[in-house]
Amino acid sequence: MTDASTGPIEQAITARLTQALAPTRLAVINESAQHRGHAGDDGSGESHFRVVVESAAFAGLSRVARQRLVNQALGDLMRDSIHALAMKTLAPGDAPA
């Protein structure tokens, strides 16, 4: 089910991360409005995002390895649609930073 208030890129991010990582917690935050007029703002309103992902797939992995998994899951979105992506990646039981 998609939320009418979210755009197609945000929906694609949610779907891809859900499929690839089976997260126990997922938040996708569109921060594009905060970057309006800055480099990378393509006018779509969907260029800058922040994600918080908690997944068992991250257990035992370094921060960099976790971020690579997120980037792999997003694939062509990272190249073609997303200018900036901030991420917090957690395994179940990790203390929130």
Protein backbone atom coordinates (compact mmCIF):
# COMPACT_ATOMS: atom_id res chain seq x y z
CA MET A 1 0.00 0.00 0.00
CA THR A 2 1.37 3.42 -0.88
CA ASP A 3 0.76 6.71 0.84
CA ALA A 4 -0.68 9.42 -1.41
CA SER A 5 1.49 12.01 0.38
CA THR A 6 4.71 10.36 -0.73
CA GLY A 7 6.25 10.69 -4.15
CA PRO A 8 7.38 7.92 -6.48
CA ILE A 9 11.05 8.07 -5.46
CA GLU A 10 10.21 7.86 -1.76
CA GLN A 11 7.86 4.95 -2.48
CA ALA A 12 10.58 3.20 -4.52
CA ILE A 13 13.12 3.65 -1.70
CA THR A 14 10.66 2.11 0.77
CA ALA A 15 9.84 -0.80 -1.53
CA ARG A 16 13.45 -1.62 -2.41
CA LEU A 17 14.73 -1.45 1.16
CA THR A 18 11.80 -3.54 2.36
CA GLN A 19 12.41 -6.19 -0.28
CA ALA A 20 16.20 -6.34 0.10
CA LEU A 21 16.60 -5.98 3.86
CA ALA A 22 13.31 -7.08 5.48
CA PRO A 23 13.66 -4.26 8.02
CA THR A 24 12.16 -4.43 11.48
CA ARG A 25 12.11 -0.63 11.40
CA LEU A 26 12.20 1.67 8.38
CA ALA A 27 11.78 5.41 8.15
CA VAL A 28 12.24 7.26 4.86
CA ILE A 29 12.33 11.03 5.32
CA ASN A 30 12.23 13.37 2.36
CA GLU A 31 14.50 16.33 3.20
CA SER A 32 14.45 17.84 -0.29
CA ALA A 33 12.60 20.99 0.77
CA GLN A 34 15.54 21.86 3.05
CA HIS A 35 17.84 21.86 0.00
CA ARG A 36 15.71 23.83 -2.45
CA GLY A 37 17.96 25.91 -4.67
CA HIS A 38 21.14 24.08 -3.61
CA ALA A 39 23.32 21.87 -5.76
CA GLY A 40 21.55 18.65 -6.65
CA ASP A 41 18.06 20.10 -6.32
CA ASP A 42 16.45 19.00 -9.56
CA GLY A 43 13.12 20.66 -8.80
CA SER A 44 11.34 17.32 -8.37
CA GLY A 45 11.01 17.66 -4.61
CA GLU A 46 12.58 14.21 -4.30
CA SER A 47 16.35 14.54 -4.40
CA HIS A 48 17.52 14.49 -0.76
CA PHE A 49 16.54 11.76 1.70
CA ARG A 50 17.35 10.38 5.14
CA VAL A 51 16.67 6.75 6.02
CA VAL A 52 16.69 4.88 9.30
CA VAL A 53 16.88 1.14 8.73
CA GLU A 54 16.96 -1.59 11.34
CA SER A 55 17.54 -5.04 9.88
CA ALA A 56 18.90 -8.39 10.98
CA ALA A 57 20.89 -8.32 7.73
CA PHE A 58 23.18 -5.75 9.39
CA ALA A 59 24.14 -7.96 12.35
CA GLY A 60 27.91 -8.25 12.66
CA LEU A 61 28.61 -5.83 9.80
CA SER A 62 30.60 -2.61 9.94
CA ARG A 63 28.91 0.74 9.33
CA VAL A 64 30.43 0.86 5.84
CA ALA A 65 29.26 -2.67 4.97
CA ARG A 66 25.75 -1.77 6.15
CA GLN A 67 25.74 1.36 3.99
CA ARG A 68 26.90 -0.68 1.00
CA LEU A 69 23.90 -2.98 1.43
CA VAL A 70 21.57 0.02 1.41
CA ASN A 71 23.27 1.47 -1.67
CA GLN A 72 23.06 -1.90 -3.46
CA ALA A 73 19.36 -2.19 -2.64
CA LEU A 74 18.69 1.26 -4.09
CA GLY A 75 20.80 0.58 -7.19
CA ASP A 76 19.95 2.89 -10.08
CA LEU A 77 18.00 5.26 -7.82
CA MET A 78 21.33 6.33 -6.32
CA ARG A 79 22.72 7.07 -9.76
CA ASP A 80 19.66 8.55 -11.46
CA SER A 81 17.28 10.04 -8.89
CA ILE A 82 18.79 10.55 -5.43
CA HIS A 83 21.31 13.35 -5.05
CA ALA A 84 21.93 12.88 -1.31
CA LEU A 85 21.12 10.08 1.11
CA ALA A 86 21.88 10.21 4.82
CA MET A 87 21.43 6.91 6.58
CA LYS A 88 21.37 5.36 10.02
CA THR A 89 21.71 1.60 9.89
CA LEU A 90 21.03 -0.56 12.92
CA ALA A 91 20.86 -4.26 13.70
CA PRO A 92 18.18 -5.36 16.17
CA GLY A 93 19.50 -4.73 19.65
CA ASP A 94 21.92 -1.98 18.62
CA ALA A 95 21.79 1.03 20.88
CA PRO A 96 20.37 4.02 18.98
CA ALA A 97 23.04 6.61 18.35
